[in-house]
Amino acid sequence: SYIPEGLMTSCTWDYVSPSPVNKSYTMMLCCFVFFIPLAIILYCYLFMFLSVRKAS
C-alpha cells in the first residue's frame, strides 16, 4: 500500500506500518534494489582489479 509523504505532494510505499506484508516488501526492495546490484558491482570490480594487476 502507498501513503502520502512529506508535504503530502507525493506518495511512497508504506514503510512505517508494522504489518508483515509491508516489512517483507521493504526487505525485498532493499535486497533487490540495493544489495544484489552492489554485490554484482563489487564482484565485477574485483575481477577487473585482478585482471589489471595480473597484466602489469
Protein backbone atom coordinates (compact mmCIF):
# COMPACT_ATOMS: atom_id res chain seq x y z
CA SER A 1 0.00 0.00 0.00
CA TYR A 2 1.06 3.57 -0.61
CA ILE A 3 0.80 6.55 1.73
CA PRO A 4 1.34 10.30 1.24
CA GLU A 5 4.71 11.53 2.42
CA GLY A 6 6.30 14.77 3.49
CA LEU A 7 4.24 17.75 2.43
CA MET A 8 1.54 15.46 1.02
CA THR A 9 2.67 16.16 -2.55
CA SER A 10 3.91 12.66 -3.37
CA CYS A 11 3.38 9.04 -2.35
CA THR A 12 5.67 6.29 -1.18
CA TRP A 13 5.27 2.70 -0.08
CA ASP A 14 4.08 2.24 3.50
CA TYR A 15 7.37 1.51 5.29
CA VAL A 16 6.06 2.80 8.64
CA SER A 17 3.27 0.28 9.16
CA PRO A 18 4.31 -2.75 11.26
CA SER A 19 2.40 -5.32 9.18
CA PRO A 20 4.38 -8.37 7.99
CA VAL A 21 3.47 -7.69 4.35
CA ASN A 22 4.93 -4.18 4.46
CA LYS A 23 8.05 -5.33 6.30
CA SER A 24 8.69 -8.12 3.82
CA TYR A 25 8.14 -5.76 0.87
CA THR A 26 10.63 -3.31 2.34
CA MET A 27 13.21 -6.05 2.92
CA MET A 28 12.78 -7.44 -0.60
CA LEU A 29 13.08 -3.93 -2.03
CA CYS A 30 16.33 -3.38 -0.12
CA CYS A 31 17.73 -6.71 -1.31
CA PHE A 32 16.80 -6.47 -4.98
CA VAL A 33 17.40 -2.74 -5.44
CA PHE A 34 20.49 -2.21 -3.28
CA PHE A 35 22.31 -5.31 -2.04
CA ILE A 36 22.17 -7.55 -5.13
CA PRO A 37 23.35 -4.80 -7.53
CA LEU A 38 26.04 -3.82 -5.01
CA ALA A 39 27.27 -7.41 -4.86
CA ILE A 40 27.38 -7.62 -8.66
CA ILE A 41 29.31 -4.35 -8.91
CA LEU A 42 31.82 -5.45 -6.27
CA TYR A 43 32.26 -8.82 -7.98
CA CYS A 44 32.95 -7.16 -11.33
CA TYR A 45 35.35 -4.61 -9.84
CA LEU A 46 37.24 -7.38 -8.06
CA PHE A 47 37.83 -9.26 -11.30
CA MET A 48 38.73 -6.05 -13.15
CA PHE A 49 41.26 -5.26 -10.43
CA LEU A 50 42.72 -8.76 -10.57
CA SER A 51 42.98 -8.61 -14.38
CA VAL A 52 44.78 -5.26 -14.32
CA ARG A 53 47.07 -6.44 -11.54
CA LYS A 54 47.92 -9.62 -13.43
CA ALA A 55 48.63 -7.73 -16.69
CA SER A 56 51.02 -5.22 -15.14
